């Protein structure tokens, strides 16, 4: 099967691990590890949960200035990063562990508003959680997200876009198809959570990003020159923060 060039590295690498039952990877610990970046006050009621990409660890959001960008703007929010890695996806426990180890404890600590922010594979994790538990999350910001297999992206594109695509019968294990079928039904101005998208115009996965962007409100989409890189995502993160969407 001929694979489009834009998927030749990132998508195929993700797929090879996601779909291989015998693939080796990080251990899916219980509970899931987290790294806290609290702002230092005791009355914050908004929490940002960062979800890292395939090869990233929670500390990456501090290393790449995501945490500093929030602090610079003096936003009244707390932050933590969850080590939601490929092991959880492979074992199909990612949503359960996020629910039990991250989101429910956050609500018990008094957070009334929770945002998920994920880059690359972390964007997929954010959407998988939002599909199962939409009322838990106020909003998600996807940065260069991995949105499924090349086959499903090509199928939707050839159909003329998500609004014209017909998913057909779906088995629960067909995660890419299940995800896009949910996105097809998603109503941006009515359904939870609010979905925001940021990506580089030259990202290897930009075809999938454009398919999603086409069904989101224009003001929910952030674009910038560049590829699948942290240097692009931090620019998009700062632009998003400057909009005052997260209070």
Protein backbone atom coordinates (compact mmCIF):
# COMPACT_ATOMS: atom_id res chain seq x y z
CA UNK A 1 0.00 0.00 0.00
CA UNK A 2 1.34 3.40 -0.93
CA UNK A 3 1.58 5.70 2.10
CA UNK A 4 1.41 9.48 1.51
CA UNK A 5 4.73 11.19 2.11
CA UNK A 6 3.40 13.46 4.83
CA UNK A 7 2.77 10.43 7.01
CA UNK A 8 6.09 8.76 6.32
CA UNK A 9 7.69 9.45 9.70
CA UNK A 10 5.45 10.63 12.51
CA UNK A 11 2.23 8.78 11.71
CA UNK A 12 3.85 5.50 10.81
CA UNK A 13 6.02 5.55 13.91
CA UNK A 14 2.98 6.14 16.08
CA UNK A 15 0.98 3.47 14.32
CA UNK A 16 3.71 0.87 14.53
CA UNK A 17 3.67 1.11 18.30
CA UNK A 18 -0.05 1.58 18.77
CA UNK A 19 -1.01 -1.40 16.65
CA UNK A 20 1.67 -3.89 17.63
CA UNK A 21 0.57 -6.07 20.51
CA UNK A 22 4.12 -7.12 21.26
CA UNK A 23 5.69 -3.67 21.07
CA UNK A 24 7.88 -2.70 24.00
CA UNK A 25 7.42 0.64 25.68
CA UNK A 26 7.06 2.40 29.01
CA UNK A 27 5.22 0.60 31.78
CA UNK A 28 1.62 1.69 32.32
CA UNK A 29 1.82 2.34 36.05
CA UNK A 30 -1.10 2.53 38.45
CA UNK A 31 -1.62 5.24 39.47
CA UNK A 32 -0.42 7.32 36.55
CA UNK A 33 2.52 9.59 37.38
CA UNK A 34 1.95 13.34 37.36
CA UNK A 35 4.11 16.41 37.76
CA UNK A 36 2.58 19.47 39.41
CA UNK A 37 3.29 23.10 38.46
CA UNK A 38 1.10 24.91 40.96
CA UNK A 39 0.97 28.67 40.95
CA UNK A 40 1.32 28.91 44.68
CA UNK A 41 -2.17 30.05 45.72
CA UNK A 42 -4.75 27.92 47.47
CA UNK A 43 -7.95 29.15 45.85
CA UNK A 44 -7.35 28.44 42.15
CA UNK A 45 -10.38 26.74 40.67
CA UNK A 46 -9.00 26.13 37.18
CA UNK A 47 -6.54 23.36 36.33
CA UNK A 48 -4.59 22.84 33.11
CA UNK A 49 -3.60 19.22 32.50
CA UNK A 50 -0.78 18.83 29.99
CA UNK A 51 -0.63 15.56 28.02
CA UNK A 52 2.74 14.88 26.36
CA UNK A 53 3.62 13.56 22.93
CA UNK A 54 4.99 10.13 22.15
CA UNK A 55 8.62 10.69 23.11
CA UNK A 56 8.02 13.42 25.66
CA UNK A 57 7.88 13.32 29.44
CA UNK A 58 5.83 15.61 31.70
CA UNK A 59 8.83 17.87 32.35
CA UNK A 60 8.84 18.81 28.64
CA UNK A 61 6.11 21.38 29.25
CA UNK A 62 8.38 23.22 31.65
CA UNK A 63 11.47 22.74 29.49
CA UNK A 64 9.72 24.23 26.46
CA UNK A 65 8.36 27.25 28.36
CA UNK A 66 4.66 26.27 28.45
CA UNK A 67 4.57 26.66 32.21
CA UNK A 68 6.54 29.91 32.09
CA UNK A 69 4.13 31.34 29.53
CA UNK A 70 1.21 30.81 31.91
CA UNK A 71 3.09 32.29 34.84
CA UNK A 72 4.21 35.31 32.84
CA UNK A 73 0.57 36.17 32.16
CA UNK A 74 -0.29 35.79 35.86
CA UNK A 75 -3.24 33.56 35.11
CA UNK A 76 -5.11 32.30 38.15
CA UNK A 77 -4.70 28.64 37.24
CA UNK A 78 -2.78 25.61 38.43
CA UNK A 79 -1.00 23.21 36.10
CA UNK A 80 0.07 19.62 36.08
CA UNK A 81 1.40 17.22 33.46
CA UNK A 82 0.31 13.59 33.33
CA UNK A 83 2.67 10.90 32.08
CA UNK A 84 -0.01 9.57 29.70
CA UNK A 85 2.34 7.61 27.47
CA UNK A 86 1.95 4.95 24.80
CA UNK A 87 1.83 2.12 27.31
CA UNK A 88 -1.63 3.22 28.44
CA UNK A 89 -2.87 3.49 24.88
CA UNK A 90 -1.55 0.07 24.03
CA UNK A 91 -3.28 -1.45 27.08
CA UNK A 92 -6.42 0.63 26.44
CA UNK A 93 -6.31 1.99 29.98
CA UNK A 94 -5.45 5.61 29.21
CA UNK A 95 -8.93 7.06 29.68
CA UNK A 96 -9.54 5.06 32.86
CA UNK A 97 -6.25 6.07 34.43
CA UNK A 98 -6.71 9.73 33.53
CA UNK A 99 -10.19 9.60 35.05
CA UNK A 100 -9.20 7.86 38.28
CA UNK A 101 -5.70 9.25 38.83
CA UNK A 102 -5.90 12.80 37.47
CA UNK A 103 -9.37 14.20 36.80
CA UNK A 104 -11.37 12.82 39.73
CA UNK A 105 -8.70 13.77 42.30
CA UNK A 106 -8.60 17.25 40.78
CA UNK A 107 -12.34 17.65 41.18
CA UNK A 108 -12.12 16.39 44.75
CA UNK A 109 -9.51 19.09 45.44
CA UNK A 110 -12.03 21.70 44.37
CA UNK A 111 -11.15 22.46 40.76
CA UNK A 112 -14.31 23.48 38.93
CA UNK A 113 -12.74 24.05 35.50
CA UNK A 114 -10.32 21.61 33.85
CA UNK A 115 -8.53 22.02 30.52
CA UNK A 116 -6.58 19.38 28.60
CA UNK A 117 -3.62 20.56 26.52
CA UNK A 118 -1.90 17.93 24.40
CA UNK A 119 0.80 17.98 21.74
CA UNK A 120 1.09 15.27 19.06
CA UNK A 121 0.04 11.98 20.69
CA UNK A 122 -1.13 14.00 23.70
CA UNK A 123 -3.73 15.60 21.47
CA UNK A 124 -5.13 12.19 20.65
CA UNK A 125 -5.20 11.38 24.38
CA UNK A 126 -7.13 14.58 25.07
CA UNK A 127 -9.75 13.71 22.47
CA UNK A 128 -10.11 10.11 23.60
CA UNK A 129 -10.80 11.32 27.13
CA UNK A 130 -13.16 14.07 25.98
CA UNK A 131 -15.21 11.64 23.94
CA UNK A 132 -15.81 9.38 26.96
CA UNK A 133 -16.17 12.07 29.63
CA UNK A 134 -17.13 15.36 27.95
CA UNK A 135 -18.70 16.86 31.08
CA UNK A 136 -15.41 16.58 32.99
CA UNK A 137 -13.58 18.99 30.70
CA UNK A 138 -14.20 22.65 29.90
CA UNK A 139 -11.90 22.74 26.89
CA UNK A 140 -9.05 21.10 25.02
CA UNK A 141 -6.24 22.67 23.06
CA UNK A 142 -4.68 20.31 20.53
CA UNK A 143 -1.20 21.16 19.27
CA UNK A 144 -0.09 19.30 16.16
CA UNK A 145 -2.29 16.37 17.24
CA UNK A 146 -2.02 12.84 15.93
CA UNK A 147 -5.60 12.18 14.79
CA UNK A 148 -5.56 8.61 13.57
CA UNK A 149 -4.32 6.30 10.87
CA UNK A 150 -3.34 7.49 7.39
CA UNK A 151 -6.10 5.27 5.98
CA UNK A 152 -8.91 7.04 7.85
CA UNK A 153 -7.48 10.48 7.07
CA UNK A 154 -7.28 9.61 3.38
CA UNK A 155 -10.81 8.20 3.45
CA UNK A 156 -12.27 11.38 4.97
CA UNK A 157 -10.31 13.58 2.60
CA UNK A 158 -11.47 11.62 -0.45
CA UNK A 159 -15.08 11.91 0.76
CA UNK A 160 -14.78 15.68 0.56
CA UNK A 161 -14.35 16.39 4.25
CA UNK A 162 -15.77 15.34 7.58
CA UNK A 163 -19.28 16.65 6.90
CA UNK A 164 -19.59 14.44 3.80
CA UNK A 165 -17.82 11.39 5.18
CA UNK A 166 -19.92 8.35 6.10
CA UNK A 167 -18.19 6.24 8.76
CA UNK A 168 -20.26 3.09 8.23
CA UNK A 169 -20.36 0.28 10.81
CA UNK A 170 -17.80 0.79 13.56
CA UNK A 171 -16.28 -1.60 16.07
CA UNK A 172 -15.08 -0.10 19.35
CA UNK A 173 -11.53 -1.29 18.71
CA UNK A 174 -11.36 0.86 15.55
CA UNK A 175 -10.13 3.85 17.52
CA UNK A 176 -9.44 6.14 14.57
CA UNK A 177 -12.89 5.57 13.09
CA UNK A 178 -14.61 5.86 16.47
CA UNK A 179 -12.83 9.14 17.13
CA UNK A 180 -13.69 10.74 13.79
CA UNK A 181 -17.30 9.53 13.99
CA UNK A 182 -17.55 11.37 17.32
CA UNK A 183 -15.95 14.48 15.83
CA UNK A 184 -18.45 14.33 12.96
CA UNK A 185 -21.34 14.55 15.45
CA UNK A 186 -19.64 17.17 17.61
CA UNK A 187 -21.42 20.56 17.64
CA UNK A 188 -18.84 23.25 18.47
CA UNK A 189 -21.28 25.82 19.82
CA UNK A 190 -23.29 23.38 21.95
CA UNK A 191 -21.27 20.36 22.99
CA UNK A 192 -18.60 20.00 25.66
CA UNK A 193 -15.73 20.34 25.76
CA UNK A 194 -14.73 23.30 23.62
CA UNK A 195 -12.12 22.17 21.11
CA UNK A 196 -9.26 24.42 19.97
CA UNK A 197 -6.65 23.43 17.43
CA UNK A 198 -3.15 24.73 16.74
CA UNK A 199 -0.76 23.43 14.10
CA UNK A 200 2.11 24.31 11.83
CA UNK A 201 1.31 24.73 8.15
CA UNK A 202 4.16 22.39 7.24
CA UNK A 203 3.36 19.75 9.87
CA UNK A 204 3.56 16.20 8.50
CA UNK A 205 0.06 15.66 9.90
CA UNK A 206 -1.39 18.91 8.54
CA UNK A 207 -3.86 17.13 6.24
CA UNK A 208 -5.64 15.70 9.26
CA UNK A 209 -5.46 19.04 11.06
CA UNK A 210 -7.13 20.80 8.14
CA UNK A 211 -9.95 18.25 8.13
CA UNK A 212 -10.65 19.04 11.78
CA UNK A 213 -10.15 22.79 11.32
CA UNK A 214 -12.83 22.81 8.62
CA UNK A 215 -15.54 21.87 11.13
CA UNK A 216 -14.40 24.13 13.98
CA UNK A 217 -15.21 27.82 14.36
CA UNK A 218 -12.53 29.96 12.73
CA UNK A 219 -11.64 31.58 16.05
CA UNK A 220 -10.88 28.13 17.51
CA UNK A 221 -8.08 27.41 15.04
CA UNK A 222 -4.52 28.73 15.34
CA UNK A 223 -2.00 28.30 12.53
CA UNK A 224 1.67 29.21 12.21
CA UNK A 225 4.50 28.53 9.78
CA UNK A 226 6.52 25.49 10.72
CA UNK A 227 6.61 21.75 11.22
CA UNK A 228 5.85 19.22 13.95
CA UNK A 229 8.05 21.00 16.50
CA UNK A 230 7.97 22.41 20.03
CA UNK A 231 9.24 25.72 18.60
CA UNK A 232 5.96 25.98 16.67
CA UNK A 233 3.75 24.79 19.52
CA UNK A 234 5.09 27.30 22.05
CA UNK A 235 4.25 30.15 19.65
CA UNK A 236 0.74 28.77 19.23
CA UNK A 237 0.40 28.31 23.00
CA UNK A 238 1.34 31.92 23.66
CA UNK A 239 -1.14 33.14 21.06
CA UNK A 240 -3.85 31.01 22.62
CA UNK A 241 -3.12 32.32 26.11
CA UNK A 242 -3.19 35.91 24.87
CA UNK A 243 -6.78 35.40 23.71
CA UNK A 244 -7.84 35.10 27.35
CA UNK A 245 -9.77 31.90 26.71
CA UNK A 246 -8.51 30.24 29.89
CA UNK A 247 -9.29 32.42 32.89
